[in-house]
Amino acid sequence: MNKSGLIDSLQSETGLSKAKAEQVVDIFFDTISEALARGDRVEIRGFCSIFVKDYKGYIGRNPKTGTPVEIPPKKLPFFKCGKELKERVDY
């Protein structure tokens, strides 16, 4: 399922107009993105938790030339599946 599929599903389940359903989905994802950008943890009980992991910088290698390349530190979102979602998928 992609974003438009989610919008269509929300529209059919709630009777909202397509524009309102799209607005709800956009607000939902924007709120999660803003929370992660602030460094907050997002937890939706039974579904998932999403948090930002810090990765240290390191020296890597260019696979073509073999020369060392400095990889800068970075932050990436990390998704952890909830227990109920695991059970539902592994029925």
PDB file of N, CA and C in Angstrom:
ATOM      1  N   MET A   1       0.852  -1.174   0.000  1.00  0.00           N
ATOM      2  CA  MET A   1       0.000   0.000   0.000  1.00  0.00           C
ATOM      3  C   MET A   1       0.896   1.234   0.000  1.00  0.00           C
ATOM      4  N   ASN A   2       0.485   2.228  -0.767  1.00  0.00           N
ATOM      5  CA  ASN A   2       1.206   3.493  -0.781  1.00  0.00           C
ATOM      6  C   ASN A   2       0.311   4.587  -0.197  1.00  0.00           C
ATOM      7  N   LYS A   3       0.789   5.830  -0.243  1.00  0.00           N
ATOM      8  CA  LYS A   3       0.073   6.929   0.379  1.00  0.00           C
ATOM      9  C   LYS A   3      -1.319   7.120  -0.236  1.00  0.00           C
ATOM     10  N   SER A   4      -1.423   7.031  -1.549  1.00  0.00           N
ATOM     11  CA  SER A   4      -2.736   7.223  -2.184  1.00  0.00           C
ATOM     12  C   SER A   4      -3.693   6.088  -1.816  1.00  0.00           C
ATOM     13  N   GLY A   5      -3.178   4.884  -1.644  1.00  0.00           N
ATOM     14  CA  GLY A   5      -4.003   3.768  -1.191  1.00  0.00           C
ATOM     15  C   GLY A   5      -4.519   3.993   0.218  1.00  0.00           C
ATOM     16  N   LEU A   6      -3.677   4.562   1.067  1.00  0.00           N
ATOM     17  CA  LEU A   6      -4.070   4.884   2.434  1.00  0.00           C
ATOM     18  C   LEU A   6      -5.154   5.955   2.438  1.00  0.00           C
ATOM     19  N   ILE A   7      -5.007   6.947   1.581  1.00  0.00           N
ATOM     20  CA  ILE A   7      -6.008   8.012   1.462  1.00  0.00           C
ATOM     21  C   ILE A   7      -7.338   7.432   0.992  1.00  0.00           C
ATOM     22  N   ASP A   8      -7.290   6.569  -0.012  1.00  0.00           N
ATOM     23  CA  ASP A   8      -8.518   5.944  -0.528  1.00  0.00           C
ATOM     24  C   ASP A   8      -9.201   5.101   0.548  1.00  0.00           C
ATOM     25  N   SER A   9      -8.416   4.361   1.322  1.00  0.00           N
ATOM     26  CA  SER A   9      -8.961   3.526   2.385  1.00  0.00           C
ATOM     27  C   SER A   9      -9.616   4.384   3.468  1.00  0.00           C
ATOM     28  N   LEU A  10      -8.941   5.454   3.861  1.00  0.00           N
ATOM     29  CA  LEU A  10      -9.489   6.358   4.873  1.00  0.00           C
ATOM     30  C   LEU A  10     -10.777   6.999   4.372  1.00  0.00           C
ATOM     31  N   GLN A  11     -10.799   7.366   3.115  1.00  0.00           N
ATOM     32  CA  GLN A  11     -11.989   7.975   2.523  1.00  0.00           C
ATOM     33  C   GLN A  11     -13.168   7.007   2.531  1.00  0.00           C
ATOM     34  N   SER A  12     -12.943   5.761   2.134  1.00  0.00           N
ATOM     35  CA  SER A  12     -14.046   4.799   2.071  1.00  0.00           C
ATOM     36  C   SER A  12     -14.517   4.368   3.462  1.00  0.00           C
ATOM     37  N   GLU A  13     -13.602   4.282   4.430  1.00  0.00           N
ATOM     38  CA  GLU A  13     -13.973   3.848   5.785  1.00  0.00           C
ATOM     39  C   GLU A  13     -14.713   4.930   6.571  1.00  0.00           C
ATOM     40  N   THR A  14     -14.365   6.206   6.335  1.00  0.00           N
ATOM     41  CA  THR A  14     -14.923   7.282   7.151  1.00  0.00           C
ATOM     42  C   THR A  14     -15.949   8.133   6.428  1.00  0.00           C
ATOM     43  N   GLY A  15     -15.975   8.065   5.104  1.00  0.00           N
ATOM     44  CA  GLY A  15     -16.898   8.905   4.352  1.00  0.00           C
ATOM     45  C   GLY A  15     -16.388  10.325   4.164  1.00  0.00           C
ATOM     46  N   LEU A  16     -15.134  10.570   4.527  1.00  0.00           N
ATOM     47  CA  LEU A  16     -14.545  11.894   4.310  1.00  0.00           C
ATOM     48  C   LEU A  16     -14.357  12.134   2.815  1.00  0.00           C
ATOM     49  N   SER A  17     -14.297  13.404   2.445  1.00  0.00           N
ATOM     50  CA  SER A  17     -13.975  13.712   1.051  1.00  0.00           C
ATOM     51  C   SER A  17     -12.515  13.342   0.813  1.00  0.00           C
ATOM     52  N   LYS A  18     -12.161  13.177  -0.447  1.00  0.00           N
ATOM     53  CA  LYS A  18     -10.781  12.799  -0.770  1.00  0.00           C
ATOM     54  C   LYS A  18      -9.807  13.875  -0.286  1.00  0.00           C
ATOM     55  N   ALA A  19     -10.180  15.149  -0.421  1.00  0.00           N
ATOM     56  CA  ALA A  19      -9.315  16.252   0.016  1.00  0.00           C
ATOM     57  C   ALA A  19      -9.096  16.210   1.525  1.00  0.00           C
ATOM     58  N   LYS A  20     -10.163  15.950   2.298  1.00  0.00           N
ATOM     59  CA  LYS A  20     -10.039  15.877   3.767  1.00  0.00           C
ATOM     60  C   LYS A  20      -9.218  14.656   4.172  1.00  0.00           C
ATOM     61  N   ALA A  21      -9.440  13.524   3.516  1.00  0.00           N
ATOM     62  CA  ALA A  21      -8.683  12.311   3.831  1.00  0.00           C
ATOM     63  C   ALA A  21      -7.202  12.530   3.549  1.00  0.00           C
ATOM     64  N   GLU A  22      -6.889  13.202   2.439  1.00  0.00           N
ATOM     65  CA  GLU A  22      -5.502  13.498   2.111  1.00  0.00           C
ATOM     66  C   GLU A  22      -4.893  14.435   3.145  1.00  0.00           C
ATOM     67  N   GLN A  23      -5.679  15.405   3.613  1.00  0.00           N
ATOM     68  CA  GLN A  23      -5.203  16.340   4.632  1.00  0.00           C
ATOM     69  C   GLN A  23      -4.891  15.609   5.938  1.00  0.00           C
ATOM     70  N   VAL A  24      -5.745  14.667   6.325  1.00  0.00           N
ATOM     71  CA  VAL A  24      -5.522  13.891   7.556  1.00  0.00           C
ATOM     72  C   VAL A  24      -4.234  13.086   7.453  1.00  0.00           C
ATOM     73  N   VAL A  25      -4.040  12.416   6.324  1.00  0.00           N
ATOM     74  CA  VAL A  25      -2.837  11.597   6.134  1.00  0.00           C
ATOM     75  C   VAL A  25      -1.594  12.491   6.137  1.00  0.00           C
ATOM     76  N   ASP A  26      -1.652  13.632   5.472  1.00  0.00           N
ATOM     77  CA  ASP A  26      -0.517  14.559   5.449  1.00  0.00           C
ATOM     78  C   ASP A  26      -0.184  15.066   6.853  1.00  0.00           C
ATOM     79  N   ILE A  27      -1.203  15.430   7.617  1.00  0.00           N
ATOM     80  CA  ILE A  27      -0.985  15.902   8.989  1.00  0.00           C
ATOM     81  C   ILE A  27      -0.344  14.798   9.828  1.00  0.00           C
ATOM     82  N   PHE A  28      -0.823  13.568   9.674  1.00  0.00           N
ATOM     83  CA  PHE A  28      -0.285  12.427  10.431  1.00  0.00           C
ATOM     84  C   PHE A  28       1.210  12.254  10.153  1.00  0.00           C
ATOM     85  N   PHE A  29       1.577  12.197   8.866  1.00  0.00           N
ATOM     86  CA  PHE A  29       2.985  11.983   8.526  1.00  0.00           C
ATOM     87  C   PHE A  29       3.851  13.198   8.856  1.00  0.00           C
ATOM     88  N   ASP A  30       3.322  14.399   8.682  1.00  0.00           N
ATOM     89  CA  ASP A  30       4.081  15.602   9.027  1.00  0.00           C
ATOM     90  C   ASP A  30       4.365  15.659  10.522  1.00  0.00           C
ATOM     91  N   THR A  31       3.377  15.292  11.332  1.00  0.00           N
ATOM     92  CA  THR A  31       3.553  15.300  12.781  1.00  0.00           C
ATOM     93  C   THR A  31       4.627  14.302  13.211  1.00  0.00           C
ATOM     94  N   ILE A  32       4.602  13.122  12.629  1.00  0.00           N
ATOM     95  CA  ILE A  32       5.630  12.119  12.938  1.00  0.00           C
ATOM     96  C   ILE A  32       7.003  12.615  12.501  1.00  0.00           C
ATOM     97  N   SER A  33       7.105  13.176  11.304  1.00  0.00           N
ATOM     98  CA  SER A  33       8.387  13.680  10.797  1.00  0.00           C
ATOM     99  C   SER A  33       8.942  14.788  11.671  1.00  0.00           C
ATOM    100  N   GLU A  34       8.080  15.705  12.094  1.00  0.00           N
ATOM    101  CA  GLU A  34       8.526  16.810  12.950  1.00  0.00           C
ATOM    102  C   GLU A  34       9.004  16.308  14.307  1.00  0.00           C
ATOM    103  N   ALA A  35       8.307  15.334  14.865  1.00  0.00           N
ATOM    104  CA  ALA A  35       8.719  14.771  16.155  1.00  0.00           C
ATOM    105  C   ALA A  35      10.084  14.108  16.041  1.00  0.00           C
ATOM    106  N   LEU A  36      10.306  13.344  14.975  1.00  0.00           N
ATOM    107  CA  LEU A  36      11.601  12.691  14.780  1.00  0.00           C
ATOM    108  C   LEU A  36      12.704  13.720  14.550  1.00  0.00           C
ATOM    109  N   ALA A  37      12.410  14.796  13.835  1.00  0.00           N
ATOM    110  CA  ALA A  37      13.398  15.850  13.590  1.00  0.00           C
ATOM    111  C   ALA A  37      13.809  16.521  14.898  1.00  0.00           C
ATOM    112  N   ARG A  38      12.886  16.590  15.869  1.00  0.00           N
ATOM    113  CA  ARG A  38      13.205  17.159  17.191  1.00  0.00           C
ATOM    114  C   ARG A  38      13.969  16.157  18.060  1.00  0.00           C
ATOM    115  N   GLY A  39      14.029  14.901  17.622  1.00  0.00           N
ATOM    116  CA  GLY A  39      14.711  13.877  18.408  1.00  0.00           C
ATOM    117  C   GLY A  39      13.771  13.098  19.312  1.00  0.00           C
ATOM    118  N   ASP A  40      12.461  13.332  19.177  1.00  0.00           N
ATOM    119  CA  ASP A  40      11.478  12.613  19.988  1.00  0.00           C
ATOM    120  C   ASP A  40      11.283  11.199  19.451  1.00  0.00           C
ATOM    121  N   ARG A  41      10.798  10.354  20.311  1.00  0.00           N
ATOM    122  CA  ARG A  41      10.453   8.979  19.937  1.00  0.00           C
ATOM    123  C   ARG A  41       8.955   8.939  19.644  1.00  0.00           C
ATOM    124  N   VAL A  42       8.558   8.247  18.584  1.00  0.00           N
ATOM    125  CA  VAL A  42       7.146   8.098  18.225  1.00  0.00           C
ATOM    126  C   VAL A  42       6.758   6.652  18.506  1.00  0.00           C
ATOM    127  N   GLU A  43       5.725   6.476  19.326  1.00  0.00           N
ATOM    128  CA  GLU A  43       5.293   5.119  19.662  1.00  0.00           C
ATOM    129  C   GLU A  43       3.796   4.998  19.428  1.00  0.00           C
ATOM    130  N   ILE A  44       3.419   4.057  18.592  1.00  0.00           N
ATOM    131  CA  ILE A  44       2.025   3.751  18.347  1.00  0.00           C
ATOM    132  C   ILE A  44       1.821   2.339  18.887  1.00  0.00           C
ATOM    133  N   ARG A  45       1.215   2.253  20.047  1.00  0.00           N
ATOM    134  CA  ARG A  45       1.083   0.981  20.764  1.00  0.00           C
ATOM    135  C   ARG A  45       0.515  -0.111  19.874  1.00  0.00           C
ATOM    136  N   GLY A  46       1.187  -1.245  19.863  1.00  0.00           N
ATOM    137  CA  GLY A  46       0.734  -2.395  19.099  1.00  0.00           C
ATOM    138  C   GLY A  46       1.159  -2.365  17.642  1.00  0.00           C
ATOM    139  N   PHE A  47       1.588  -1.203  17.158  1.00  0.00           N
ATOM    140  CA  PHE A  47       1.961  -1.099  15.748  1.00  0.00           C
ATOM    141  C   PHE A  47       3.468  -0.959  15.586  1.00  0.00           C
ATOM    142  N   CYS A  48       4.037   0.105  16.139  1.00  0.00           N
ATOM    143  CA  CYS A  48       5.473   0.316  15.966  1.00  0.00           C
ATOM    144  C   CYS A  48       5.981   1.400  16.894  1.00  0.00           C
ATOM    145  N   SER A  49       7.296   1.491  16.965  1.00  0.00           N
ATOM    146  CA  SER A  49       7.949   2.657  17.543  1.00  0.00           C
ATOM    147  C   SER A  49       9.021   3.079  16.546  1.00  0.00           C
ATOM    148  N   ILE A  50       9.170   4.379  16.427  1.00  0.00           N
ATOM    149  CA  ILE A  50      10.147   4.942  15.505  1.00  0.00           C
ATOM    150  C   ILE A  50      10.994   5.917  16.305  1.00  0.00           C
ATOM    151  N   PHE A  51      12.303   5.793  16.189  1.00  0.00           N
ATOM    152  CA  PHE A  51      13.190   6.708  16.885  1.00  0.00           C
ATOM    153  C   PHE A  51      14.412   6.958  16.025  1.00  0.00           C
ATOM    154  N   VAL A  52      15.173   7.977  16.401  1.00  0.00           N
ATOM    155  CA  VAL A  52      16.345   8.367  15.632  1.00  0.00           C
ATOM    156  C   VAL A  52      17.576   7.750  16.264  1.00  0.00           C
ATOM    157  N   LYS A  53      18.375   7.069  15.444  1.00  0.00           N
ATOM    158  CA  LYS A  53      19.636   6.476  15.896  1.00  0.00           C
ATOM    159  C   LYS A  53      20.790   7.330  15.397  1.00  0.00           C
ATOM    160  N   ASP A  54      21.760   7.534  16.267  1.00  0.00           N
ATOM    161  CA  ASP A  54      22.984   8.245  15.886  1.00  0.00           C
ATOM    162  C   ASP A  54      24.027   7.239  15.435  1.00  0.00           C
ATOM    163  N   TYR A  55      24.596   7.489  14.275  1.00  0.00           N
ATOM    164  CA  TYR A  55      25.670   6.638  13.765  1.00  0.00           C
ATOM    165  C   TYR A  55      26.960   7.449  13.743  1.00  0.00           C
ATOM    166  N   LYS A  56      28.016   6.868  14.246  1.00  0.00           N
ATOM    167  CA  LYS A  56      29.306   7.549  14.288  1.00  0.00           C
ATOM    168  C   LYS A  56      29.930   7.574  12.897  1.00  0.00           C
ATOM    169  N   GLY A  57      30.794   8.542  12.685  1.00  0.00           N
ATOM    170  CA  GLY A  57      31.550   8.596  11.446  1.00  0.00           C
ATOM    171  C   GLY A  57      32.630   7.523  11.441  1.00  0.00           C
ATOM    172  N   TYR A  58      33.084   7.166  10.268  1.00  0.00           N
ATOM    173  CA  TYR A  58      34.129   6.147  10.165  1.00  0.00           C
ATOM    174  C   TYR A  58      34.866   6.310   8.839  1.00  0.00           C
ATOM    175  N   ILE A  59      35.949   5.579   8.704  1.00  0.00           N
ATOM    176  CA  ILE A  59      36.715   5.596   7.460  1.00  0.00           C
ATOM    177  C   ILE A  59      36.299   4.373   6.642  1.00  0.00           C
ATOM    178  N   GLY A  60      35.739   4.626   5.465  1.00  0.00           N
ATOM    179  CA  GLY A  60      35.348   3.551   4.570  1.00  0.00           C
ATOM    180  C   GLY A  60      36.324   3.468   3.408  1.00  0.00           C
ATOM    181  N   ARG A  61      36.011   2.652   2.439  1.00  0.00           N
ATOM    182  CA  ARG A  61      36.871   2.505   1.255  1.00  0.00           C
ATOM    183  C   ARG A  61      36.032   2.660  -0.006  1.00  0.00           C
ATOM    184  N   ASN A  62      36.586   3.359  -0.977  1.00  0.00           N
ATOM    185  CA  ASN A  62      35.968   3.448  -2.287  1.00  0.00           C
ATOM    186  C   ASN A  62      36.127   2.082  -2.944  1.00  0.00           C
ATOM    187  N   PRO A  63      35.023   1.417  -3.321  1.00  0.00           N
ATOM    188  CA  PRO A  63      35.145   0.062  -3.865  1.00  0.00           C
ATOM    189  C   PRO A  63      35.888  -0.006  -5.201  1.00  0.00           C
ATOM    190  N   LYS A  64      35.851   1.069  -5.986  1.00  0.00           N
ATOM    191  CA  LYS A  64      36.549   1.055  -7.276  1.00  0.00           C
ATOM    192  C   LYS A  64      38.054   1.226  -7.113  1.00  0.00           C
ATOM    193  N   THR A  65      38.443   2.221  -6.307  1.00  0.00           N
ATOM    194  CA  THR A  65      39.868   2.550  -6.218  1.00  0.00           C
ATOM    195  C   THR A  65      40.540   2.000  -4.970  1.00  0.00           C
ATOM    196  N   GLY A  66      39.749   1.696  -3.944  1.00  0.00           N
ATOM    197  CA  GLY A  66      40.327   1.197  -2.701  1.00  0.00           C
ATOM    198  C   GLY A  66      40.854   2.301  -1.805  1.00  0.00           C
ATOM    199  N   THR A  67      40.711   3.556  -2.219  1.00  0.00           N
ATOM    200  CA  THR A  67      41.210   4.665  -1.398  1.00  0.00           C
ATOM    201  C   THR A  67      40.295   4.901  -0.211  1.00  0.00           C
ATOM    202  N   PRO A  68      40.865   5.287   0.922  1.00  0.00           N
ATOM    203  CA  PRO A  68      40.049   5.564   2.115  1.00  0.00           C
ATOM    204  C   PRO A  68      39.157   6.795   1.893  1.00  0.00           C
ATOM    205  N   VAL A  69      37.936   6.710   2.411  1.00  0.00           N
ATOM    206  CA  VAL A  69      36.978   7.804   2.315  1.00  0.00           C
ATOM    207  C   VAL A  69      36.377   8.016   3.697  1.00  0.00           C
ATOM    208  N   GLU A  70      36.323   9.282   4.123  1.00  0.00           N
ATOM    209  CA  GLU A  70      35.751   9.580   5.432  1.00  0.00           C
ATOM    210  C   GLU A  70      34.229   9.643   5.311  1.00  0.00           C
ATOM    211  N   ILE A  71      33.547   8.835   6.107  1.00  0.00           N
ATOM    212  CA  ILE A  71      32.086   8.822   6.148  1.00  0.00           C
ATOM    213  C   ILE A  71      31.677   9.632   7.371  1.00  0.00           C
ATOM    214  N   PRO A  72      30.924  10.731   7.170  1.00  0.00           N
ATOM    215  CA  PRO A  72      30.567  11.588   8.309  1.00  0.00           C
ATOM    216  C   PRO A  72      29.511  10.936   9.206  1.00  0.00           C
ATOM    217  N   PRO A  73      29.420  11.385  10.462  1.00  0.00           N
ATOM    218  CA  PRO A  73      28.366  10.857  11.341  1.00  0.00           C
ATOM    219  C   PRO A  73      26.997  11.259  10.795  1.00  0.00           C
ATOM    220  N   LYS A  74      25.983  10.453  11.114  1.00  0.00           N
ATOM    221  CA  LYS A  74      24.639  10.757  10.619  1.00  0.00           C
ATOM    222  C   LYS A  74      23.591  10.247  11.587  1.00  0.00           C
ATOM    223  N   LYS A  75      22.376  10.721  11.389  1.00  0.00           N
ATOM    224  CA  LYS A  75      21.228  10.280  12.171  1.00  0.00           C
ATOM    225  C   LYS A  75      20.217   9.699  11.190  1.00  0.00           C
ATOM    226  N   LEU A  76      19.664   8.533  11.534  1.00  0.00           N
ATOM    227  CA  LEU A  76      18.679   7.893  10.680  1.00  0.00           C
ATOM    228  C   LEU A  76      17.506   7.397  11.519  1.00  0.00           C
ATOM    229  N   PRO A  77      16.286   7.452  10.967  1.00  0.00           N
ATOM    230  CA  PRO A  77      15.143   6.905  11.696  1.00  0.00           C
ATOM    231  C   PRO A  77      15.221   5.381  11.731  1.00  0.00           C
ATOM    232  N   PHE A  78      14.799   4.815  12.842  1.00  0.00           N
ATOM    233  CA  PHE A  78      14.815   3.368  13.039  1.00  0.00           C
ATOM    234  C   PHE A  78      13.399   2.926  13.403  1.00  0.00           C
ATOM    235  N   PHE A  79      12.867   1.953  12.674  1.00  0.00           N
ATOM    236  CA  PHE A  79      11.512   1.446  12.857  1.00  0.00           C
ATOM    237  C   PHE A  79      11.583   0.124  13.602  1.00  0.00           C
ATOM    238  N   LYS A  80      10.828   0.022  14.679  1.00  0.00           N
ATOM    239  CA  LYS A  80      10.762  -1.238  15.417  1.00  0.00           C
ATOM    240  C   LYS A  80       9.306  -1.681  15.469  1.00  0.00           C
ATOM    241  N   CYS A  81       9.049  -2.837  14.962  1.00  0.00           N
ATOM    242  CA  CYS A  81       7.701  -3.391  14.855  1.00  0.00           C
ATOM    243  C   CYS A  81       7.131  -3.711  16.237  1.00  0.00           C
ATOM    244  N   GLY A  82       5.840  -3.448  16.435  1.00  0.00           N
ATOM    245  CA  GLY A  82       5.164  -3.755  17.689  1.00  0.00           C
ATOM    246  C   GLY A  82       4.730  -5.208  17.764  1.00  0.00           C
ATOM    247  N   LYS A  83       4.467  -5.670  18.978  1.00  0.00           N
ATOM    248  CA  LYS A  83       4.116  -7.070  19.209  1.00  0.00           C
ATOM    249  C   LYS A  83       2.831  -7.470  18.479  1.00  0.00           C
ATOM    250  N   GLU A  84       1.800  -6.640  18.555  1.00  0.00           N
ATOM    251  CA  GLU A  84       0.535  -6.972  17.899  1.00  0.00           C
ATOM    252  C   GLU A  84       0.684  -7.050  16.385  1.00  0.00           C
ATOM    253  N   LEU A  85       1.471  -6.160  15.803  1.00  0.00           N
ATOM    254  CA  LEU A  85       1.697  -6.188  14.362  1.00  0.00           C
ATOM    255  C   LEU A  85       2.451  -7.457  13.962  1.00  0.00           C
ATOM    256  N   LYS A  86       3.456  -7.833  14.747  1.00  0.00           N
ATOM    257  CA  LYS A  86       4.199  -9.072  14.477  1.00  0.00           C
ATOM    258  C   LYS A  86       3.263 -10.270  14.472  1.00  0.00           C
ATOM    259  N   GLU A  87       2.402 -10.334  15.491  1.00  0.00           N
ATOM    260  CA  GLU A  87       1.473 -11.458  15.608  1.00  0.00           C
ATOM    261  C   GLU A  87       0.469 -11.476  14.463  1.00  0.00           C
ATOM    262  N   ARG A  88       0.040 -10.313  14.040  1.00  0.00           N
ATOM    263  CA  ARG A  88      -0.938 -10.224  12.955  1.00  0.00           C
ATOM    264  C   ARG A  88      -0.347 -10.643  11.615  1.00  0.00           C
ATOM    265  N   VAL A  89       0.909 -10.269  11.385  1.00  0.00           N
ATOM    266  CA  VAL A  89       1.576 -10.630  10.142  1.00  0.00           C
ATOM    267  C   VAL A  89       1.919 -12.109  10.122  1.00  0.00           C
ATOM    268  N   ASP A  90       2.313 -12.656  11.252  1.00  0.00           N
ATOM    269  CA  ASP A  90       2.737 -14.056  11.360  1.00  0.00           C
ATOM    270  C   ASP A  90       1.586 -14.924  11.855  1.00  0.00           C
ATOM    271  N   TYR A  91       0.430 -14.806  11.253  1.00  0.00           N
ATOM    272  CA  TYR A  91      -0.759 -15.529  11.706  1.00  0.00           C
ATOM    273  C   TYR A  91      -0.711 -16.990  11.445  1.00  0.00           C
TER     274      TYR A  91
END
